[in-house]
Structure formats: C-alpha cells, structure tokens
Amino acid sequence: MEIEALKNRWVELEKKLEQNKSLNERFIKEMIDRRAGKIDTAINRLLFRDIYALVFMLVMFACLLVCFTYILRAKVILCFGI
C-alpha cells in the first residue's frame, strides 16, 4: 500500500511540475514580448530623433547656402559697383 501511495504522490508531483513548467514558459514569453515592445518603441524614438535632426540640418544648410550666395552677390556688387 505504501508503494501505491508513493506512486500516486509521484504522479501528482509530476503533474504539478508540468503545470509550473507551462506557467513559467508563458510568463517568460510575456516578459520577452513586453521587452521587445519596449525595444521597438525606443528604436522608433531614436529614428524619429534622427529624422528630425536630418531635416533640421537640411533646412540649416539651405539657409546657409542662401546667406552665402547673398553675401557673395553683395561682394560682387561692391567690387564692381553694380
């Protein structure tokens, strides 16, 4: 009778262990998914900042180009008296 009780107890513990294993796997998957979501948002923020910086630099470059051509024309006008 004692062996049967041990076998039954062993089966119960094995079922519990299997339940814990599946529960742990689900928790791990959820944690990975949450972490992946955070990483995606961080990457998106960095990309937005890079795009914003690129647009800002292009606008500044255009402004400098306009100013440079204006100054160059002013020097030409002063040199030739046009």
C-alpha atoms as a PDB file:
ATOM      1  CA  MET A   1       0.000   0.000   0.000  1.00  0.00           C
ATOM      2  CA  GLU A   2       2.852   2.351   0.775  1.00  0.00           C
ATOM      3  CA  ILE A   3       4.324   1.877  -2.709  1.00  0.00           C
ATOM      4  CA  GLU A   4       0.974   2.742  -4.302  1.00  0.00           C
ATOM      5  CA  ALA A   5       0.762   5.906  -2.187  1.00  0.00           C
ATOM      6  CA  LEU A   6       4.280   6.878  -3.269  1.00  0.00           C
ATOM      7  CA  LYS A   7       3.413   6.238  -6.925  1.00  0.00           C
ATOM      8  CA  ASN A   8       0.263   8.350  -6.620  1.00  0.00           C
ATOM      9  CA  ARG A   9       2.185  11.107  -4.896  1.00  0.00           C
ATOM     10  CA  TRP A  10       4.844  10.923  -7.614  1.00  0.00           C
ATOM     11  CA  VAL A  11       2.195  11.299 -10.332  1.00  0.00           C
ATOM     12  CA  GLU A  12       0.659  14.286  -8.514  1.00  0.00           C
ATOM     13  CA  LEU A  13       4.035  15.976  -8.187  1.00  0.00           C
ATOM     14  CA  GLU A  14       4.803  15.303 -11.834  1.00  0.00           C
ATOM     15  CA  LYS A  15       1.505  16.923 -12.873  1.00  0.00           C
ATOM     16  CA  LYS A  16       2.247  19.924 -10.664  1.00  0.00           C
ATOM     17  CA  LEU A  17       5.718  20.204 -12.131  1.00  0.00           C
ATOM     18  CA  GLU A  18       4.315  20.127 -15.662  1.00  0.00           C
ATOM     19  CA  GLN A  19       1.786  22.841 -14.773  1.00  0.00           C
ATOM     20  CA  ASN A  20       4.533  25.004 -13.275  1.00  0.00           C
ATOM     21  CA  LYS A  21       6.681  24.458 -16.338  1.00  0.00           C
ATOM     22  CA  SER A  22       3.947  25.578 -18.730  1.00  0.00           C
ATOM     23  CA  LEU A  23       3.129  28.537 -16.481  1.00  0.00           C
ATOM     24  CA  ASN A  24       6.797  29.580 -16.362  1.00  0.00           C
ATOM     25  CA  GLU A  25       7.074  29.298 -20.135  1.00  0.00           C
ATOM     26  CA  ARG A  26       4.038  31.536 -20.561  1.00  0.00           C
ATOM     27  CA  PHE A  27       5.473  34.118 -18.136  1.00  0.00           C
ATOM     28  CA  ILE A  28       8.795  34.085 -19.955  1.00  0.00           C
ATOM     29  CA  LYS A  29       7.081  34.595 -23.318  1.00  0.00           C
ATOM     30  CA  GLU A  30       5.089  37.514 -21.902  1.00  0.00           C
ATOM     31  CA  MET A  31       8.240  39.090 -20.463  1.00  0.00           C
ATOM     32  CA  ILE A  32      10.054  38.731 -23.786  1.00  0.00           C
ATOM     33  CA  ASP A  33       7.111  40.227 -25.665  1.00  0.00           C
ATOM     34  CA  ARG A  34       6.940  43.188 -23.277  1.00  0.00           C
ATOM     35  CA  ARG A  35      10.690  43.727 -23.548  1.00  0.00           C
ATOM     36  CA  ALA A  36      10.520  43.537 -27.337  1.00  0.00           C
ATOM     37  CA  GLY A  37       7.756  46.152 -27.318  1.00  0.00           C
ATOM     38  CA  LYS A  38       9.874  48.482 -25.204  1.00  0.00           C
ATOM     39  CA  ILE A  39      12.837  47.997 -27.505  1.00  0.00           C
ATOM     40  CA  ASP A  40      10.677  48.763 -30.539  1.00  0.00           C
ATOM     41  CA  THR A  41       9.424  51.999 -29.011  1.00  0.00           C
ATOM     42  CA  ALA A  42      12.964  53.007 -28.053  1.00  0.00           C
ATOM     43  CA  ILE A  43      14.169  52.355 -31.593  1.00  0.00           C
ATOM     44  CA  ASN A  44      11.242  54.325 -33.006  1.00  0.00           C
ATOM     45  CA  ARG A  45      12.069  57.265 -30.754  1.00  0.00           C
ATOM     46  CA  LEU A  46      15.704  57.193 -31.854  1.00  0.00           C
ATOM     47  CA  LEU A  47      14.720  57.010 -35.513  1.00  0.00           C
ATOM     48  CA  PHE A  48      12.335  59.938 -35.076  1.00  0.00           C
ATOM     49  CA  ARG A  49      15.112  61.980 -33.495  1.00  0.00           C
ATOM     50  CA  ASP A  50      17.489  61.092 -36.323  1.00  0.00           C
ATOM     51  CA  ILE A  51      14.947  62.046 -38.974  1.00  0.00           C
ATOM     52  CA  TYR A  52      14.177  65.286 -37.131  1.00  0.00           C
ATOM     53  CA  ALA A  53      17.895  66.095 -36.910  1.00  0.00           C
ATOM     54  CA  LEU A  54      18.380  65.343 -40.607  1.00  0.00           C
ATOM     55  CA  VAL A  55      15.516  67.637 -41.623  1.00  0.00           C
ATOM     56  CA  PHE A  56      16.832  70.348 -39.305  1.00  0.00           C
ATOM     57  CA  MET A  57      20.326  70.074 -40.787  1.00  0.00           C
ATOM     58  CA  LEU A  58      18.968  70.227 -44.344  1.00  0.00           C
ATOM     59  CA  VAL A  59      16.993  73.368 -43.518  1.00  0.00           C
ATOM     60  CA  MET A  60      20.032  74.932 -41.872  1.00  0.00           C
ATOM     61  CA  PHE A  61      22.181  74.002 -44.870  1.00  0.00           C
ATOM     62  CA  ALA A  62      19.660  75.637 -47.205  1.00  0.00           C
ATOM     63  CA  CYS A  63      19.648  78.782 -45.043  1.00  0.00           C
ATOM     64  CA  LEU A  64      23.439  78.913 -45.024  1.00  0.00           C
ATOM     65  CA  LEU A  65      23.516  78.428 -48.771  1.00  0.00           C
ATOM     66  CA  VAL A  66      21.092  81.318 -49.274  1.00  0.00           C
ATOM     67  CA  CYS A  67      23.087  83.532 -46.903  1.00  0.00           C
ATOM     68  CA  PHE A  68      26.352  82.597 -48.594  1.00  0.00           C
ATOM     69  CA  THR A  69      25.021  83.390 -52.064  1.00  0.00           C
ATOM     70  CA  TYR A  70      23.586  86.673 -50.780  1.00  0.00           C
ATOM     71  CA  ILE A  71      26.943  87.644 -49.270  1.00  0.00           C
ATOM     72  CA  LEU A  72      28.743  86.601 -52.438  1.00  0.00           C
ATOM     73  CA  ARG A  73      26.404  88.746 -54.552  1.00  0.00           C
ATOM     74  CA  ALA A  74      26.893  91.657 -52.164  1.00  0.00           C
ATOM     75  CA  LYS A  75      30.676  91.367 -52.538  1.00  0.00           C
ATOM     76  CA  VAL A  76      30.374  91.227 -56.312  1.00  0.00           C
ATOM     77  CA  ILE A  77      28.174  94.315 -56.271  1.00  0.00           C
ATOM     78  CA  LEU A  78      30.660  96.145 -54.037  1.00  0.00           C
ATOM     79  CA  CYS A  79      33.633  95.121 -56.155  1.00  0.00           C
ATOM     80  CA  PHE A  80      32.147  96.076 -59.491  1.00  0.00           C
ATOM     81  CA  GLY A  81      29.854  98.830 -58.317  1.00  0.00           C
ATOM     82  CA  ILE A  82      26.832  97.244 -59.976  1.00  0.00           C
END
